[in-house]
C-alpha atoms as a PDB file:
ATOM      1  CA  UNK A   1       0.000   0.000   0.000  1.00  0.00           C
ATOM      2  CA  UNK A   2       2.841   2.375   0.866  1.00  0.00           C
ATOM      3  CA  UNK A   3       4.572   1.800  -2.496  1.00  0.00           C
ATOM      4  CA  UNK A   4       1.341   2.424  -4.375  1.00  0.00           C
ATOM      5  CA  UNK A   5       0.776   5.693  -2.520  1.00  0.00           C
ATOM      6  CA  UNK A   6       4.268   6.941  -3.358  1.00  0.00           C
ATOM      7  CA  UNK A   7       3.813   6.030  -7.021  1.00  0.00           C
ATOM      8  CA  UNK A   8       0.500   7.910  -7.169  1.00  0.00           C
ATOM      9  CA  UNK A   9       2.162  11.009  -5.679  1.00  0.00           C
ATOM     10  CA  UNK A  10       4.938  10.881  -8.301  1.00  0.00           C
ATOM     11  CA  UNK A  11       2.372  10.626 -11.098  1.00  0.00           C
ATOM     12  CA  UNK A  12       0.410  13.578  -9.714  1.00  0.00           C
ATOM     13  CA  UNK A  13       3.527  15.710  -9.461  1.00  0.00           C
ATOM     14  CA  UNK A  14       4.344  14.919 -13.088  1.00  0.00           C
ATOM     15  CA  UNK A  15       6.835  17.356 -14.591  1.00  0.00           C
ATOM     16  CA  UNK A  16       7.288  19.152 -11.260  1.00  0.00           C
ATOM     17  CA  UNK A  17       9.332  16.190 -10.012  1.00  0.00           C
ATOM     18  CA  UNK A  18      11.534  16.281 -13.107  1.00  0.00           C
ATOM     19  CA  UNK A  19      12.126  20.027 -12.916  1.00  0.00           C
ATOM     20  CA  UNK A  20      13.267  19.812  -9.286  1.00  0.00           C
ATOM     21  CA  UNK A  21      15.019  16.482  -9.670  1.00  0.00           C
ATOM     22  CA  UNK A  22      18.485  17.825  -8.849  1.00  0.00           C
ATOM     23  CA  UNK A  23      17.332  19.400  -5.624  1.00  0.00           C
ATOM     24  CA  UNK A  24      16.019  16.090  -4.292  1.00  0.00           C
ATOM     25  CA  UNK A  25      13.328  15.469  -1.716  1.00  0.00           C
ATOM     26  CA  UNK A  26      15.512  16.885   1.052  1.00  0.00           C
ATOM     27  CA  UNK A  27      14.166  20.333   0.078  1.00  0.00           C
ATOM     28  CA  UNK A  28      10.988  19.664   2.034  1.00  0.00           C
ATOM     29  CA  UNK A  29      11.619  21.699   5.186  1.00  0.00           C
ATOM     30  CA  UNK A  30      15.149  22.774   4.183  1.00  0.00           C
ATOM     31  CA  UNK A  31      16.472  26.155   5.319  1.00  0.00           C
ATOM     32  CA  UNK A  32      18.207  28.301   2.704  1.00  0.00           C
ATOM     33  CA  UNK A  33      21.677  29.596   3.564  1.00  0.00           C
ATOM     34  CA  UNK A  34      23.028  32.982   2.558  1.00  0.00           C
ATOM     35  CA  UNK A  35      26.599  34.061   1.758  1.00  0.00           C
ATOM     36  CA  UNK A  36      28.488  36.601   3.840  1.00  0.00           C
ATOM     37  CA  UNK A  37      27.163  40.012   2.826  1.00  0.00           C
ATOM     38  CA  UNK A  38      29.208  43.201   2.512  1.00  0.00           C
ATOM     39  CA  UNK A  39      28.507  45.431   5.492  1.00  0.00           C
ATOM     40  CA  UNK A  40      28.939  48.758   3.712  1.00  0.00           C
ATOM     41  CA  UNK A  41      30.556  50.110   6.905  1.00  0.00           C
ATOM     42  CA  UNK A  42      34.009  51.433   5.978  1.00  0.00           C
ATOM     43  CA  UNK A  43      35.130  52.974   9.269  1.00  0.00           C
ATOM     44  CA  UNK A  44      35.504  51.655  12.805  1.00  0.00           C
ATOM     45  CA  UNK A  45      37.572  51.764  15.983  1.00  0.00           C
ATOM     46  CA  UNK A  46      40.591  49.594  16.838  1.00  0.00           C
ATOM     47  CA  UNK A  47      42.454  50.128  20.126  1.00  0.00           C
ATOM     48  CA  UNK A  48      40.790  53.486  20.512  1.00  0.00           C
ATOM     49  CA  UNK A  49      41.746  54.835  17.101  1.00  0.00           C
ATOM     50  CA  UNK A  50      39.792  55.152  13.895  1.00  0.00           C
ATOM     51  CA  UNK A  51      40.520  52.632  11.146  1.00  0.00           C
ATOM     52  CA  UNK A  52      39.203  52.167   7.633  1.00  0.00           C
ATOM     53  CA  UNK A  53      37.994  49.126   5.693  1.00  0.00           C
ATOM     54  CA  UNK A  54      37.629  48.124   2.068  1.00  0.00           C
ATOM     55  CA  UNK A  55      35.455  45.096   1.272  1.00  0.00           C
ATOM     56  CA  UNK A  56      35.322  42.739  -1.664  1.00  0.00           C
ATOM     57  CA  UNK A  57      32.574  40.201  -2.279  1.00  0.00           C
ATOM     58  CA  UNK A  58      33.193  37.950  -5.271  1.00  0.00           C
ATOM     59  CA  UNK A  59      31.546  34.820  -6.676  1.00  0.00           C
ATOM     60  CA  UNK A  60      32.364  32.162  -9.239  1.00  0.00           C
ATOM     61  CA  UNK A  61      30.039  29.712 -11.016  1.00  0.00           C
ATOM     62  CA  UNK A  62      31.384  26.304 -12.025  1.00  0.00           C
ATOM     63  CA  UNK A  63      30.015  23.188 -13.673  1.00  0.00           C
ATOM     64  CA  UNK A  64      30.534  19.992 -11.703  1.00  0.00           C
ATOM     65  CA  UNK A  65      33.158  17.404 -12.634  1.00  0.00           C
ATOM     66  CA  UNK A  66      30.879  14.573 -11.470  1.00  0.00           C
ATOM     67  CA  UNK A  67      27.593  13.946  -9.643  1.00  0.00           C
ATOM     68  CA  UNK A  68      26.353  11.638  -6.887  1.00  0.00           C
ATOM     69  CA  UNK A  69      22.645  10.799  -6.625  1.00  0.00           C
ATOM     70  CA  UNK A  70      21.477   9.459  -3.265  1.00  0.00           C
ATOM     71  CA  UNK A  71      18.329   7.306  -3.152  1.00  0.00           C
ATOM     72  CA  UNK A  72      16.589   6.133   0.012  1.00  0.00           C
ATOM     73  CA  UNK A  73      14.581   2.930   0.347  1.00  0.00           C
ATOM     74  CA  UNK A  74      13.070   0.768   3.062  1.00  0.00           C
ATOM     75  CA  UNK A  75      11.495  -2.677   3.316  1.00  0.00           C
ATOM     76  CA  UNK A  76       9.458  -4.401   6.006  1.00  0.00           C
ATOM     77  CA  UNK A  77       9.396  -8.086   6.934  1.00  0.00           C
ATOM     78  CA  UNK A  78       8.225 -10.424   9.640  1.00  0.00           C
ATOM     79  CA  UNK A  79      11.856 -10.894  10.724  1.00  0.00           C
ATOM     80  CA  UNK A  80      14.969  -8.731  10.521  1.00  0.00           C
ATOM     81  CA  UNK A  81      16.524 -11.195   8.064  1.00  0.00           C
ATOM     82  CA  UNK A  82      13.473 -11.037   5.809  1.00  0.00           C
ATOM     83  CA  UNK A  83      13.365  -7.223   5.661  1.00  0.00           C
ATOM     84  CA  UNK A  84      17.107  -7.116   4.957  1.00  0.00           C
ATOM     85  CA  UNK A  85      16.831  -9.777   2.240  1.00  0.00           C
ATOM     86  CA  UNK A  86      13.994  -7.911   0.515  1.00  0.00           C
ATOM     87  CA  UNK A  87      15.894  -4.618   0.450  1.00  0.00           C
ATOM     88  CA  UNK A  88      19.046  -6.325  -0.799  1.00  0.00           C
ATOM     89  CA  UNK A  89      17.020  -7.820  -3.648  1.00  0.00           C
ATOM     90  CA  UNK A  90      15.877  -4.363  -4.746  1.00  0.00           C
ATOM     91  CA  UNK A  91      19.421  -3.012  -4.559  1.00  0.00           C
ATOM     92  CA  UNK A  92      20.834  -5.912  -6.602  1.00  0.00           C
ATOM     93  CA  UNK A  93      18.224  -5.446  -9.343  1.00  0.00           C
ATOM     94  CA  UNK A  94      18.862  -1.667  -9.398  1.00  0.00           C
ATOM     95  CA  UNK A  95      22.634  -2.259  -9.696  1.00  0.00           C
ATOM     96  CA  UNK A  96      22.096  -4.582 -12.668  1.00  0.00           C
ATOM     97  CA  UNK A  97      20.068  -1.919 -14.462  1.00  0.00           C
ATOM     98  CA  UNK A  98      22.729   0.711 -13.675  1.00  0.00           C
ATOM     99  CA  UNK A  99      25.326  -1.597 -15.186  1.00  0.00           C
ATOM    100  CA  UNK A 100      23.358  -1.377 -18.429  1.00  0.00           C
ATOM    101  CA  UNK A 101      23.763   2.421 -18.266  1.00  0.00           C
ATOM    102  CA  UNK A 102      27.551   2.083 -18.053  1.00  0.00           C
ATOM    103  CA  UNK A 103      27.748   2.768 -14.304  1.00  0.00           C
ATOM    104  CA  UNK A 104      30.341   0.528 -12.675  1.00  0.00           C
ATOM    105  CA  UNK A 105      29.805  -1.278  -9.376  1.00  0.00           C
ATOM    106  CA  UNK A 106      32.703   0.767  -7.956  1.00  0.00           C
ATOM    107  CA  UNK A 107      30.522   3.871  -8.513  1.00  0.00           C
ATOM    108  CA  UNK A 108      27.700   2.440  -6.380  1.00  0.00           C
ATOM    109  CA  UNK A 109      27.787   2.532  -2.579  1.00  0.00           C
ATOM    110  CA  UNK A 110      25.144   1.107  -0.235  1.00  0.00           C
ATOM    111  CA  UNK A 111      24.848   2.932   3.089  1.00  0.00           C
ATOM    112  CA  UNK A 112      23.092   0.986   5.854  1.00  0.00           C
ATOM    113  CA  UNK A 113      20.879   3.412   7.801  1.00  0.00           C
ATOM    114  CA  UNK A 114      18.856   1.528  10.392  1.00  0.00           C
ATOM    115  CA  UNK A 115      16.933  -1.642  11.212  1.00  0.00           C
ATOM    116  CA  UNK A 116      14.163  -1.288  13.740  1.00  0.00           C
ATOM    117  CA  UNK A 117      11.025  -2.926  15.064  1.00  0.00           C
ATOM    118  CA  UNK A 118       7.655  -1.919  13.596  1.00  0.00           C
ATOM    119  CA  UNK A 119       4.406  -1.771  15.556  1.00  0.00           C
ATOM    120  CA  UNK A 120       0.813  -1.656  14.360  1.00  0.00           C
ATOM    121  CA  UNK A 121      -2.669  -1.598  15.916  1.00  0.00           C
ATOM    122  CA  UNK A 122      -5.386  -4.220  16.098  1.00  0.00           C
ATOM    123  CA  UNK A 123      -8.975  -3.529  17.136  1.00  0.00           C
ATOM    124  CA  UNK A 124     -11.242  -5.885  19.038  1.00  0.00           C
ATOM    125  CA  UNK A 125     -14.602  -4.442  19.993  1.00  0.00           C
ATOM    126  CA  UNK A 126     -13.941  -1.095  21.657  1.00  0.00           C
ATOM    127  CA  UNK A 127     -10.302  -1.906  22.466  1.00  0.00           C
ATOM    128  CA  UNK A 128      -7.394  -0.895  20.198  1.00  0.00           C
ATOM    129  CA  UNK A 129      -4.121  -2.610  21.042  1.00  0.00           C
ATOM    130  CA  UNK A 130      -0.628  -1.828  19.790  1.00  0.00           C
ATOM    131  CA  UNK A 131       1.254  -4.967  18.747  1.00  0.00           C
ATOM    132  CA  UNK A 132       4.680  -5.814  17.344  1.00  0.00           C
ATOM    133  CA  UNK A 133       4.304  -6.494  13.598  1.00  0.00           C
ATOM    134  CA  UNK A 134       7.845  -7.010  12.255  1.00  0.00           C
ATOM    135  CA  UNK A 135      11.032  -5.214  11.256  1.00  0.00           C
ATOM    136  CA  UNK A 136      11.915  -2.399   8.870  1.00  0.00           C
ATOM    137  CA  UNK A 137      15.334  -2.002   7.222  1.00  0.00           C
ATOM    138  CA  UNK A 138      16.427   1.306   5.687  1.00  0.00           C
ATOM    139  CA  UNK A 139      19.374   1.829   3.349  1.00  0.00           C
ATOM    140  CA  UNK A 140      20.622   4.565   1.024  1.00  0.00           C
ATOM    141  CA  UNK A 141      22.190   3.989  -2.396  1.00  0.00           C
ATOM    142  CA  UNK A 142      24.843   6.423  -3.632  1.00  0.00           C
ATOM    143  CA  UNK A 143      25.294   6.453  -7.419  1.00  0.00           C
ATOM    144  CA  UNK A 144      28.192   8.388  -8.947  1.00  0.00           C
ATOM    145  CA  UNK A 145      28.079   9.423 -12.628  1.00  0.00           C
ATOM    146  CA  UNK A 146      29.843  11.868 -14.936  1.00  0.00           C
ATOM    147  CA  UNK A 147      27.217  12.749 -17.540  1.00  0.00           C
ATOM    148  CA  UNK A 148      24.536  15.018 -16.092  1.00  0.00           C
ATOM    149  CA  UNK A 149      22.017  13.963 -18.747  1.00  0.00           C
ATOM    150  CA  UNK A 150      22.015  10.345 -17.530  1.00  0.00           C
ATOM    151  CA  UNK A 151      20.166  11.219 -14.310  1.00  0.00           C
ATOM    152  CA  UNK A 152      16.783  10.773 -16.026  1.00  0.00           C
ATOM    153  CA  UNK A 153      17.700   7.187 -16.911  1.00  0.00           C
ATOM    154  CA  UNK A 154      18.964   6.522 -13.381  1.00  0.00           C
ATOM    155  CA  UNK A 155      15.655   7.750 -11.943  1.00  0.00           C
ATOM    156  CA  UNK A 156      13.729   5.517 -14.352  1.00  0.00           C
ATOM    157  CA  UNK A 157      15.835   2.506 -13.349  1.00  0.00           C
ATOM    158  CA  UNK A 158      15.212   3.305  -9.688  1.00  0.00           C
ATOM    159  CA  UNK A 159      11.434   3.596 -10.187  1.00  0.00           C
ATOM    160  CA  UNK A 160      11.434   0.289 -12.085  1.00  0.00           C
ATOM    161  CA  UNK A 161      12.821  -1.338  -8.930  1.00  0.00           C
ATOM    162  CA  UNK A 162      10.367   0.403  -6.561  1.00  0.00           C
ATOM    163  CA  UNK A 163      12.914   3.004  -5.430  1.00  0.00           C
ATOM    164  CA  UNK A 164      11.182   6.379  -5.490  1.00  0.00           C
ATOM    165  CA  UNK A 165      12.944   8.582  -2.942  1.00  0.00           C
ATOM    166  CA  UNK A 166      15.671  10.695  -4.572  1.00  0.00           C
ATOM    167  CA  UNK A 167      17.100  12.329  -1.443  1.00  0.00           C
ATOM    168  CA  UNK A 168      19.650  14.616  -3.091  1.00  0.00           C
ATOM    169  CA  UNK A 169      22.139  15.069  -5.925  1.00  0.00           C
ATOM    170  CA  UNK A 170      25.637  16.174  -4.922  1.00  0.00           C
ATOM    171  CA  UNK A 171      27.702  18.199  -7.393  1.00  0.00           C
ATOM    172  CA  UNK A 172      31.409  17.329  -7.211  1.00  0.00           C
ATOM    173  CA  UNK A 173      34.088  19.946  -7.982  1.00  0.00           C
ATOM    174  CA  UNK A 174      37.497  18.323  -7.693  1.00  0.00           C
ATOM    175  CA  UNK A 175      40.032  21.183  -7.580  1.00  0.00           C
ATOM    176  CA  UNK A 176      38.802  23.348  -4.705  1.00  0.00           C
ATOM    177  CA  UNK A 177      42.315  24.714  -4.149  1.00  0.00           C
ATOM    178  CA  UNK A 178      42.303  26.267  -7.618  1.00  0.00           C
ATOM    179  CA  UNK A 179      38.815  27.667  -7.018  1.00  0.00           C
ATOM    180  CA  UNK A 180      39.929  29.435  -3.831  1.00  0.00           C
ATOM    181  CA  UNK A 181      43.054  30.779  -5.502  1.00  0.00           C
ATOM    182  CA  UNK A 182      40.989  32.275  -8.342  1.00  0.00           C
ATOM    183  CA  UNK A 183      38.499  33.846  -5.932  1.00  0.00           C
ATOM    184  CA  UNK A 184      41.295  35.307  -3.802  1.00  0.00           C
ATOM    185  CA  UNK A 185      43.009  36.771  -6.872  1.00  0.00           C
ATOM    186  CA  UNK A 186      39.766  38.421  -7.965  1.00  0.00           C
ATOM    187  CA  UNK A 187      38.972  39.757  -4.463  1.00  0.00           C
ATOM    188  CA  UNK A 188      42.450  41.327  -4.127  1.00  0.00           C
ATOM    189  CA  UNK A 189      41.984  43.000  -7.520  1.00  0.00           C
ATOM    190  CA  UNK A 190      38.619  44.431  -6.427  1.00  0.00           C
ATOM    191  CA  UNK A 191      40.083  45.840  -3.181  1.00  0.00           C
ATOM    192  CA  UNK A 192      43.023  47.461  -4.981  1.00  0.00           C
ATOM    193  CA  UNK A 193      40.676  48.977  -7.562  1.00  0.00           C
ATOM    194  CA  UNK A 194      38.521  50.464  -4.803  1.00  0.00           C
ATOM    195  CA  UNK A 195      41.594  51.757  -2.975  1.00  0.00           C
ATOM    196  CA  UNK A 196      42.785  53.522  -6.133  1.00  0.00           C
ATOM    197  CA  UNK A 197      39.297  54.859  -6.857  1.00  0.00           C
ATOM    198  CA  UNK A 198      38.955  56.387  -3.367  1.00  0.00           C
ATOM    199  CA  UNK A 199      42.364  58.025  -3.740  1.00  0.00           C
ATOM    200  CA  UNK A 200      41.572  59.439  -7.191  1.00  0.00           C
ATOM    201  CA  UNK A 201      38.052  60.589  -6.379  1.00  0.00           C
ATOM    202  CA  UNK A 202      38.410  61.874  -2.813  1.00  0.00           C
ATOM    203  CA  UNK A 203      42.181  62.168  -2.265  1.00  0.00           C
ATOM    204  CA  UNK A 204      41.903  59.534   0.478  1.00  0.00           C
ATOM    205  CA  UNK A 205      45.354  58.017   1.070  1.00  0.00           C
ATOM    206  CA  UNK A 206      45.184  54.703   2.918  1.00  0.00           C
ATOM    207  CA  UNK A 207      47.946  52.545   4.374  1.00  0.00           C
ATOM    208  CA  UNK A 208      47.188  48.783   4.671  1.00  0.00           C
ATOM    209  CA  UNK A 209      47.313  47.374   8.223  1.00  0.00           C
ATOM    210  CA  UNK A 210      46.001  43.794   8.097  1.00  0.00           C
ATOM    211  CA  UNK A 211      43.439  41.428   6.621  1.00  0.00           C
ATOM    212  CA  UNK A 212      40.319  41.765   8.784  1.00  0.00           C
ATOM    213  CA  UNK A 213      37.953  39.107   7.330  1.00  0.00           C
ATOM    214  CA  UNK A 214      38.253  36.181   4.926  1.00  0.00           C
ATOM    215  CA  UNK A 215      35.187  33.986   4.398  1.00  0.00           C
ATOM    216  CA  UNK A 216      34.966  31.312   1.692  1.00  0.00           C
ATOM    217  CA  UNK A 217      31.709  29.478   1.005  1.00  0.00           C
ATOM    218  CA  UNK A 218      30.153  27.098  -1.517  1.00  0.00           C
ATOM    219  CA  UNK A 219      26.517  26.803  -2.550  1.00  0.00           C
ATOM    220  CA  UNK A 220      25.453  23.678  -4.404  1.00  0.00           C
ATOM    221  CA  UNK A 221      22.348  23.535  -6.650  1.00  0.00           C
ATOM    222  CA  UNK A 222      20.557  21.148  -4.300  1.00  0.00           C
ATOM    223  CA  UNK A 223      20.365  23.845  -1.615  1.00  0.00           C
ATOM    224  CA  UNK A 224      19.389  26.650  -4.006  1.00  0.00           C
ATOM    225  CA  UNK A 225      15.888  25.449  -4.853  1.00  0.00           C
ATOM    226  CA  UNK A 226      13.017  27.460  -3.388  1.00  0.00           C
ATOM    227  CA  UNK A 227       9.505  26.123  -2.857  1.00  0.00           C
ATOM    228  CA  UNK A 228       6.205  27.688  -3.756  1.00  0.00           C
ATOM    229  CA  UNK A 229       2.498  26.983  -4.155  1.00  0.00           C
ATOM    230  CA  UNK A 230       0.343  28.740  -6.727  1.00  0.00           C
ATOM    231  CA  UNK A 231      -3.386  28.833  -5.952  1.00  0.00           C
ATOM    232  CA  UNK A 232      -6.152  31.114  -4.766  1.00  0.00           C
ATOM    233  CA  UNK A 233      -8.659  30.048  -2.141  1.00  0.00           C
ATOM    234  CA  UNK A 234     -12.267  31.099  -2.088  1.00  0.00           C
ATOM    235  CA  UNK A 235     -13.946  33.011   0.726  1.00  0.00           C
ATOM    236  CA  UNK A 236     -16.868  31.943   2.887  1.00  0.00           C
ATOM    237  CA  UNK A 237     -19.399  34.163   4.565  1.00  0.00           C
ATOM    238  CA  UNK A 238     -21.631  33.574   7.520  1.00  0.00           C
ATOM    239  CA  UNK A 239     -21.256  31.089  10.340  1.00  0.00           C
ATOM    240  CA  UNK A 240     -19.654  27.719   9.724  1.00  0.00           C
ATOM    241  CA  UNK A 241     -17.864  25.064  11.723  1.00  0.00           C
ATOM    242  CA  UNK A 242     -14.074  25.030  11.078  1.00  0.00           C
ATOM    243  CA  UNK A 243     -13.944  21.354  11.980  1.00  0.00           C
ATOM    244  CA  UNK A 244     -16.271  20.491   9.092  1.00  0.00           C
ATOM    245  CA  UNK A 245     -14.394  22.363   6.339  1.00  0.00           C
ATOM    246  CA  UNK A 246     -12.731  19.908   3.893  1.00  0.00           C
ATOM    247  CA  UNK A 247      -9.839  21.457   1.957  1.00  0.00           C
ATOM    248  CA  UNK A 248      -8.390  20.238  -1.329  1.00  0.00           C
ATOM    249  CA  UNK A 249      -4.742  19.206  -1.622  1.00  0.00           C
ATOM    250  CA  UNK A 250      -2.533  21.909  -3.173  1.00  0.00           C
ATOM    251  CA  UNK A 251       0.642  20.786  -4.925  1.00  0.00           C
ATOM    252  CA  UNK A 252       3.914  22.311  -3.777  1.00  0.00           C
ATOM    253  CA  UNK A 253       6.812  22.455  -6.209  1.00  0.00           C
ATOM    254  CA  UNK A 254      10.343  23.921  -6.379  1.00  0.00           C
ATOM    255  CA  UNK A 255      12.390  26.107  -8.716  1.00  0.00           C
ATOM    256  CA  UNK A 256      16.111  26.822  -9.030  1.00  0.00           C
ATOM    257  CA  UNK A 257      16.900  30.171  -7.411  1.00  0.00           C
ATOM    258  CA  UNK A 258      20.647  30.960  -7.585  1.00  0.00           C
ATOM    259  CA  UNK A 259      22.430  33.631  -5.582  1.00  0.00           C
ATOM    260  CA  UNK A 260      21.646  37.188  -6.652  1.00  0.00           C
ATOM    261  CA  UNK A 261      24.487  38.433  -8.869  1.00  0.00           C
ATOM    262  CA  UNK A 262      23.894  42.040  -7.759  1.00  0.00           C
ATOM    263  CA  UNK A 263      25.185  41.167  -4.270  1.00  0.00           C
ATOM    264  CA  UNK A 264      28.749  40.775  -5.565  1.00  0.00           C
ATOM    265  CA  UNK A 265      31.465  43.182  -6.692  1.00  0.00           C
ATOM    266  CA  UNK A 266      32.685  40.712  -9.304  1.00  0.00           C
ATOM    267  CA  UNK A 267      31.286  37.554 -10.849  1.00  0.00           C
ATOM    268  CA  UNK A 268      33.456  34.925 -12.558  1.00  0.00           C
ATOM    269  CA  UNK A 269      31.631  32.802 -15.160  1.00  0.00           C
ATOM    270  CA  UNK A 270      28.126  34.337 -15.160  1.00  0.00           C
ATOM    271  CA  UNK A 271      25.454  31.692 -14.690  1.00  0.00           C
ATOM    272  CA  UNK A 272      23.202  30.722 -17.576  1.00  0.00           C
ATOM    273  CA  UNK A 273      20.151  28.477 -17.512  1.00  0.00           C
ATOM    274  CA  UNK A 274      21.985  25.428 -16.170  1.00  0.00           C
ATOM    275  CA  UNK A 275      22.352  24.978 -12.375  1.00  0.00           C
ATOM    276  CA  UNK A 276      25.985  25.331 -11.327  1.00  0.00           C
ATOM    277  CA  UNK A 277      28.017  25.309  -8.121  1.00  0.00           C
ATOM    278  CA  UNK A 278      28.403  28.842  -6.757  1.00  0.00           C
ATOM    279  CA  UNK A 279      31.562  29.657  -4.796  1.00  0.00           C
ATOM    280  CA  UNK A 280      31.940  32.920  -2.874  1.00  0.00           C
ATOM    281  CA  UNK A 281      34.646  34.866  -1.027  1.00  0.00           C
ATOM    282  CA  UNK A 282      34.170  37.833   1.276  1.00  0.00           C
ATOM    283  CA  UNK A 283      37.436  39.717   1.898  1.00  0.00           C
ATOM    284  CA  UNK A 284      37.811  42.748   4.161  1.00  0.00           C
ATOM    285  CA  UNK A 285      41.045  44.736   4.396  1.00  0.00           C
ATOM    286  CA  UNK A 286      41.866  47.112   7.266  1.00  0.00           C
ATOM    287  CA  UNK A 287      43.678  50.397   6.612  1.00  0.00           C
ATOM    288  CA  UNK A 288      45.120  53.358   8.451  1.00  0.00           C
ATOM    289  CA  UNK A 289      44.826  56.904   7.120  1.00  0.00           C
ATOM    290  CA  UNK A 290      48.130  58.209   5.841  1.00  0.00           C
ATOM    291  CA  UNK A 291      49.247  61.423   7.556  1.00  0.00           C
END
């Protein structure tokens, strides 16, 4: 019954599930993070004397080198061995289908989550009694792939084997050291340009003291989807009982909502229509006023 219900939900969602496929189901209830924002405050006090700051906030968009899709599944059985055997059967069949897509066994990892007792209720006359009914085993399957377009086929293979819960898709960027170096180079350039501009425009001569703030961050597409519901409810007039109002189900979907480019002094590789990994660096330099 549970599998049938999940399948019905997927059919009802239709294209909405496909559009948000790379965010995964983890977006239900997820909290959106924000990058470090420029303060706009360029003066302050340090050891009782006035100091000056110049800020740089830069971002870079990159395509992933590889991807990892994480699926969740569970199976129940009268015994722990039975529930584990049933879930292993689904995983084995899924792996065989992935092999047909060119995904090697070394790119598949099974993560054991939990195995616990399951209880249900029985009713006899006016008495409802909770009773032990069996065991439930939960596991996650991690699937690594290089071609982004193959995800649709992976999802189809999963659904064929009664695996419907796509938890998330991780974007993998291999050379993070090079990413940080490029961001730092761009942030330093922005600060020096601002320093020269202040001197040329306002004759403000600044002497560098120290680096006050350095904050790197990374935002992956899976955490940049926002949810919404589009509908309008009718109005009722007169007295009615709230407990007797039956509401219709409203579908909630998601859309890709990348970081706002206007929040940054410089943007490396402007984003197009394809979701990308967004890396950021906030750099703040402290100065003294030259006498």
